[in-house]
Amino acid sequence: MNSEQIAAALAEFDAAIARETDADAILGALQTLCRQVIGAKLFTTMTVDMVNEVARRAYTSHPEEYPTSGTKPIRYDSWFDIVHKEHKTFVANTIVDISKVFGDHETIWALGCGSVVNIPVVVGGVLLGTVNCLDVEHHYTPERVALSKHLELPAKLAFLAAAHAAKA
């Protein structure tokens, strides 16, 4: 993806954020942007509540397999250290590597996915949640991971806009 294509995708995202008033539509615009920039067969966002040590799926491209209802406990592992503590993007490019940190790896594989990028969404030093893009094995090349940096600011905007919309 070249700089003109990235600029066009960001402009489309910006226009959606400016007009949408529904949290799902806002996060859907983020999904579209992520698919355009780095690709994602499966896309979700998670919010984090560290006081209660739970994460909640706020948005999903696959509501049947990954519904937005309920919470799951925070797990303290290597993934937690990378994403929560270091605020760095987590990348795994094989289902074997995914299985080391995600208990639902069989569902991920059944959906045709074998690689993942988890982008932390950090505002004011606090992790609000993650943007999760999954695709076929070896999809998230170093070039696509570098392109994912273009998604960090839009992710922050989308999370804040979705939270605002949910309160309205």
C-alpha atoms as a PDB file:
ATOM      1  CA  MET A   1       0.000   0.000   0.000  1.00  0.00           C
ATOM      2  CA  ASN A   2       1.480   3.322  -1.016  1.00  0.00           C
ATOM      3  CA  SER A   3       1.189   6.681   0.746  1.00  0.00           C
ATOM      4  CA  GLU A   4      -1.613   7.895  -1.542  1.00  0.00           C
ATOM      5  CA  GLN A   5      -3.679   4.778  -0.813  1.00  0.00           C
ATOM      6  CA  ILE A   6      -3.073   5.179   2.928  1.00  0.00           C
ATOM      7  CA  ALA A   7      -4.093   8.845   2.733  1.00  0.00           C
ATOM      8  CA  ALA A   8      -7.296   7.921   0.877  1.00  0.00           C
ATOM      9  CA  ALA A   9      -8.156   5.204   3.399  1.00  0.00           C
ATOM     10  CA  LEU A  10      -7.526   7.599   6.288  1.00  0.00           C
ATOM     11  CA  ALA A  11      -9.708  10.263   4.637  1.00  0.00           C
ATOM     12  CA  GLU A  12     -12.531   7.740   4.273  1.00  0.00           C
ATOM     13  CA  PHE A  13     -12.137   6.769   7.944  1.00  0.00           C
ATOM     14  CA  ASP A  14     -12.103  10.438   8.992  1.00  0.00           C
ATOM     15  CA  ALA A  15     -15.335  11.080   7.074  1.00  0.00           C
ATOM     16  CA  ALA A  16     -16.991   8.097   8.760  1.00  0.00           C
ATOM     17  CA  ILE A  17     -15.898   9.247  12.219  1.00  0.00           C
ATOM     18  CA  ALA A  18     -17.247  12.731  11.490  1.00  0.00           C
ATOM     19  CA  ARG A  19     -20.718  11.452  10.572  1.00  0.00           C
ATOM     20  CA  GLU A  20     -21.291   8.275  12.633  1.00  0.00           C
ATOM     21  CA  THR A  21     -23.018   8.474  16.014  1.00  0.00           C
ATOM     22  CA  ASP A  22     -23.256   4.746  16.757  1.00  0.00           C
ATOM     23  CA  ALA A  23     -20.375   2.898  18.466  1.00  0.00           C
ATOM     24  CA  ASP A  24     -20.689  -0.126  16.159  1.00  0.00           C
ATOM     25  CA  ALA A  25     -20.596   2.076  13.056  1.00  0.00           C
ATOM     26  CA  ILE A  26     -17.517   3.879  14.389  1.00  0.00           C
ATOM     27  CA  LEU A  27     -15.696   0.618  15.112  1.00  0.00           C
ATOM     28  CA  GLY A  28     -16.917  -0.706  11.756  1.00  0.00           C
ATOM     29  CA  ALA A  29     -15.144   2.222  10.102  1.00  0.00           C
ATOM     30  CA  LEU A  30     -11.985   1.207  11.953  1.00  0.00           C
ATOM     31  CA  GLN A  31     -12.463  -2.360  10.686  1.00  0.00           C
ATOM     32  CA  THR A  32     -12.701  -1.075   7.109  1.00  0.00           C
ATOM     33  CA  LEU A  33      -9.529   0.970   7.571  1.00  0.00           C
ATOM     34  CA  CYS A  34      -7.618  -1.975   9.046  1.00  0.00           C
ATOM     35  CA  ARG A  35      -8.723  -4.256   6.227  1.00  0.00           C
ATOM     36  CA  GLN A  36      -7.578  -1.688   3.669  1.00  0.00           C
ATOM     37  CA  VAL A  37      -4.202  -1.017   5.272  1.00  0.00           C
ATOM     38  CA  ILE A  38      -3.028  -4.432   6.555  1.00  0.00           C
ATOM     39  CA  GLY A  39      -5.835  -6.897   5.838  1.00  0.00           C
ATOM     40  CA  ALA A  40      -7.996  -8.807   8.327  1.00  0.00           C
ATOM     41  CA  LYS A  41     -10.275 -11.777   7.680  1.00  0.00           C
ATOM     42  CA  LEU A  42     -11.280 -11.603  11.361  1.00  0.00           C
ATOM     43  CA  PHE A  43     -11.418  -8.272  13.165  1.00  0.00           C
ATOM     44  CA  THR A  44     -12.294  -7.522  16.787  1.00  0.00           C
ATOM     45  CA  THR A  45     -11.725  -4.835  19.359  1.00  0.00           C
ATOM     46  CA  MET A  46     -11.383  -5.499  23.056  1.00  0.00           C
ATOM     47  CA  THR A  47     -11.687  -3.070  25.937  1.00  0.00           C
ATOM     48  CA  VAL A  48      -9.833  -3.579  29.195  1.00  0.00           C
ATOM     49  CA  ASP A  49     -10.997  -3.115  32.781  1.00  0.00           C
ATOM     50  CA  MET A  50      -7.896  -3.605  34.929  1.00  0.00           C
ATOM     51  CA  VAL A  51      -9.748  -2.769  38.164  1.00  0.00           C
ATOM     52  CA  ASN A  52     -11.881  -5.892  37.682  1.00  0.00           C
ATOM     53  CA  GLU A  53      -9.175  -7.682  35.634  1.00  0.00           C
ATOM     54  CA  VAL A  54     -11.454  -8.429  32.671  1.00  0.00           C
ATOM     55  CA  ALA A  55     -11.526  -7.747  28.958  1.00  0.00           C
ATOM     56  CA  ARG A  56     -14.683  -7.289  26.895  1.00  0.00           C
ATOM     57  CA  ARG A  57     -15.128  -7.674  23.153  1.00  0.00           C
ATOM     58  CA  ALA A  58     -16.563  -4.348  22.010  1.00  0.00           C
ATOM     59  CA  TYR A  59     -16.787  -5.112  18.287  1.00  0.00           C
ATOM     60  CA  THR A  60     -16.503  -8.155  16.061  1.00  0.00           C
ATOM     61  CA  SER A  61     -16.607  -9.017  12.396  1.00  0.00           C
ATOM     62  CA  HIS A  62     -17.799 -12.532  13.346  1.00  0.00           C
ATOM     63  CA  PRO A  63     -20.583 -12.176  15.950  1.00  0.00           C
ATOM     64  CA  GLU A  64     -21.491 -15.847  15.828  1.00  0.00           C
ATOM     65  CA  GLU A  65     -18.024 -17.122  16.720  1.00  0.00           C
ATOM     66  CA  TYR A  66     -16.936 -14.066  18.711  1.00  0.00           C
ATOM     67  CA  PRO A  67     -19.962 -12.337  20.264  1.00  0.00           C
ATOM     68  CA  THR A  68     -19.670  -9.008  22.037  1.00  0.00           C
ATOM     69  CA  SER A  69     -21.492 -10.203  25.151  1.00  0.00           C
ATOM     70  CA  GLY A  70     -19.723 -11.038  28.381  1.00  0.00           C
ATOM     71  CA  THR A  71     -16.187 -10.656  29.626  1.00  0.00           C
ATOM     72  CA  LYS A  72     -13.114 -12.805  29.967  1.00  0.00           C
ATOM     73  CA  PRO A  73     -10.479 -12.684  32.694  1.00  0.00           C
ATOM     74  CA  ILE A  74      -7.156 -10.991  32.056  1.00  0.00           C
ATOM     75  CA  ARG A  75      -4.353 -13.557  31.729  1.00  0.00           C
ATOM     76  CA  TYR A  76      -0.901 -12.630  32.946  1.00  0.00           C
ATOM     77  CA  ASP A  77       1.451 -14.153  30.365  1.00  0.00           C
ATOM     78  CA  SER A  78       3.957 -13.131  27.682  1.00  0.00           C
ATOM     79  CA  TRP A  79       1.189 -11.555  25.576  1.00  0.00           C
ATOM     80  CA  PHE A  80       0.143  -9.452  28.592  1.00  0.00           C
ATOM     81  CA  ASP A  81       3.721  -8.287  29.077  1.00  0.00           C
ATOM     82  CA  ILE A  82       4.057  -7.174  25.444  1.00  0.00           C
ATOM     83  CA  VAL A  83       0.654  -5.518  25.033  1.00  0.00           C
ATOM     84  CA  HIS A  84      -0.335  -4.375  28.525  1.00  0.00           C
ATOM     85  CA  LYS A  85       3.002  -3.560  30.115  1.00  0.00           C
ATOM     86  CA  GLU A  86       5.151  -2.527  27.149  1.00  0.00           C
ATOM     87  CA  HIS A  87       2.279  -1.129  25.031  1.00  0.00           C
ATOM     88  CA  LYS A  88       3.773  -2.808  21.967  1.00  0.00           C
ATOM     89  CA  THR A  89       2.058  -4.538  19.068  1.00  0.00           C
ATOM     90  CA  PHE A  90       1.916  -8.328  19.359  1.00  0.00           C
ATOM     91  CA  VAL A  91       2.460 -10.345  16.189  1.00  0.00           C
ATOM     92  CA  ALA A  92       2.182 -14.100  15.632  1.00  0.00           C
ATOM     93  CA  ASN A  93       2.348 -15.502  12.130  1.00  0.00           C
ATOM     94  CA  THR A  94       1.554 -19.180  12.634  1.00  0.00           C
ATOM     95  CA  ILE A  95      -1.250 -21.027  14.341  1.00  0.00           C
ATOM     96  CA  VAL A  96       1.375 -22.754  16.505  1.00  0.00           C
ATOM     97  CA  ASP A  97       2.538 -19.370  17.805  1.00  0.00           C
ATOM     98  CA  ILE A  98      -1.061 -18.236  18.273  1.00  0.00           C
ATOM     99  CA  SER A  99      -1.839 -21.401  20.261  1.00  0.00           C
ATOM    100  CA  LYS A 100       0.846 -20.450  22.790  1.00  0.00           C
ATOM    101  CA  VAL A 101      -1.119 -17.387  23.910  1.00  0.00           C
ATOM    102  CA  PHE A 102      -4.736 -17.824  22.782  1.00  0.00           C
ATOM    103  CA  GLY A 103      -6.858 -20.674  24.081  1.00  0.00           C
ATOM    104  CA  ASP A 104      -9.328 -20.202  21.226  1.00  0.00           C
ATOM    105  CA  HIS A 105      -6.728 -21.041  18.556  1.00  0.00           C
ATOM    106  CA  GLU A 106      -8.900 -23.859  17.172  1.00  0.00           C
ATOM    107  CA  THR A 107     -11.714 -21.398  16.432  1.00  0.00           C
ATOM    108  CA  ILE A 108      -9.212 -18.997  14.896  1.00  0.00           C
ATOM    109  CA  TRP A 109      -7.891 -21.795  12.669  1.00  0.00           C
ATOM    110  CA  ALA A 110     -11.412 -22.923  11.736  1.00  0.00           C
ATOM    111  CA  LEU A 111     -12.076 -19.384  10.451  1.00  0.00           C
ATOM    112  CA  GLY A 112      -9.101 -19.667   8.110  1.00  0.00           C
ATOM    113  CA  CYS A 113      -6.802 -17.543  10.215  1.00  0.00           C
ATOM    114  CA  GLY A 114      -3.282 -18.363  11.298  1.00  0.00           C
ATOM    115  CA  SER A 115      -1.696 -14.991  11.999  1.00  0.00           C
ATOM    116  CA  VAL A 116      -2.563 -12.098  14.274  1.00  0.00           C
ATOM    117  CA  VAL A 117      -1.654  -8.492  14.991  1.00  0.00           C
ATOM    118  CA  ASN A 118      -2.869  -7.053  18.312  1.00  0.00           C
ATOM    119  CA  ILE A 119      -2.474  -3.275  18.392  1.00  0.00           C
ATOM    120  CA  PRO A 120      -2.638  -1.714  21.863  1.00  0.00           C
ATOM    121  CA  VAL A 121      -4.789   1.393  22.191  1.00  0.00           C
ATOM    122  CA  VAL A 122      -3.141   3.625  24.782  1.00  0.00           C
ATOM    123  CA  VAL A 123      -4.377   7.077  25.831  1.00  0.00           C
ATOM    124  CA  GLY A 124      -2.869   9.040  28.692  1.00  0.00           C
ATOM    125  CA  GLY A 125      -0.610   6.131  29.585  1.00  0.00           C
ATOM    126  CA  VAL A 126      -3.607   3.825  30.064  1.00  0.00           C
ATOM    127  CA  LEU A 127      -4.358   0.813  27.891  1.00  0.00           C
ATOM    128  CA  LEU A 128      -7.976   1.218  26.758  1.00  0.00           C
ATOM    129  CA  GLY A 129      -7.965  -2.022  24.785  1.00  0.00           C
ATOM    130  CA  THR A 130      -6.707  -3.674  21.633  1.00  0.00           C
ATOM    131  CA  VAL A 131      -7.424  -3.801  17.930  1.00  0.00           C
ATOM    132  CA  ASN A 132      -7.148  -7.405  16.765  1.00  0.00           C
ATOM    133  CA  CYS A 133      -6.569  -8.278  13.113  1.00  0.00           C
ATOM    134  CA  LEU A 134      -6.303 -11.915  12.036  1.00  0.00           C
ATOM    135  CA  ASP A 135      -5.647 -13.429   8.640  1.00  0.00           C
ATOM    136  CA  VAL A 136      -3.999 -16.446   6.983  1.00  0.00           C
ATOM    137  CA  GLU A 137      -0.661 -17.764   8.233  1.00  0.00           C
ATOM    138  CA  HIS A 138       2.333 -15.539   7.494  1.00  0.00           C
ATOM    139  CA  HIS A 139       0.063 -12.672   6.423  1.00  0.00           C
ATOM    140  CA  TYR A 140       1.544 -10.089   8.784  1.00  0.00           C
ATOM    141  CA  THR A 141       4.881  -9.572   7.095  1.00  0.00           C
ATOM    142  CA  PRO A 142       7.330  -6.984   8.422  1.00  0.00           C
ATOM    143  CA  GLU A 143       5.943  -4.594   5.789  1.00  0.00           C
ATOM    144  CA  ARG A 144       2.351  -5.033   6.999  1.00  0.00           C
ATOM    145  CA  VAL A 145       3.426  -4.720  10.626  1.00  0.00           C
ATOM    146  CA  ALA A 146       5.153  -1.451   9.713  1.00  0.00           C
ATOM    147  CA  LEU A 147       1.946  -0.294   7.991  1.00  0.00           C
ATOM    148  CA  SER A 148       0.002  -1.106  11.180  1.00  0.00           C
ATOM    149  CA  LYS A 149       1.652   1.949  12.764  1.00  0.00           C
ATOM    150  CA  HIS A 150      -0.702   4.029  10.585  1.00  0.00           C
ATOM    151  CA  LEU A 151      -3.613   2.456  12.503  1.00  0.00           C
ATOM    152  CA  GLU A 152      -2.552   3.479  16.000  1.00  0.00           C
ATOM    153  CA  LEU A 153      -3.905   7.049  15.965  1.00  0.00           C
ATOM    154  CA  PRO A 154      -7.166   6.110  14.185  1.00  0.00           C
ATOM    155  CA  ALA A 155      -7.653   3.317  16.749  1.00  0.00           C
ATOM    156  CA  LYS A 156      -7.375   5.817  19.607  1.00  0.00           C
ATOM    157  CA  LEU A 157      -9.873   8.100  17.894  1.00  0.00           C
ATOM    158  CA  ALA A 158     -12.277   5.231  17.231  1.00  0.00           C
ATOM    159  CA  PHE A 159     -12.129   3.977  20.838  1.00  0.00           C
ATOM    160  CA  LEU A 160     -12.753   7.473  22.228  1.00  0.00           C
ATOM    161  CA  ALA A 161     -15.500   8.220  19.697  1.00  0.00           C
ATOM    162  CA  ALA A 162     -17.198   4.863  20.367  1.00  0.00           C
ATOM    163  CA  ALA A 163     -17.091   5.491  24.122  1.00  0.00           C
ATOM    164  CA  HIS A 164     -18.576   8.945  23.552  1.00  0.00           C
ATOM    165  CA  ALA A 165     -21.314   7.518  21.328  1.00  0.00           C
ATOM    166  CA  ALA A 166     -22.167   4.860  23.898  1.00  0.00           C
ATOM    167  CA  LYS A 167     -22.710   7.573  26.547  1.00  0.00           C
ATOM    168  CA  ALA A 168     -24.897   9.745  24.291  1.00  0.00           C
END
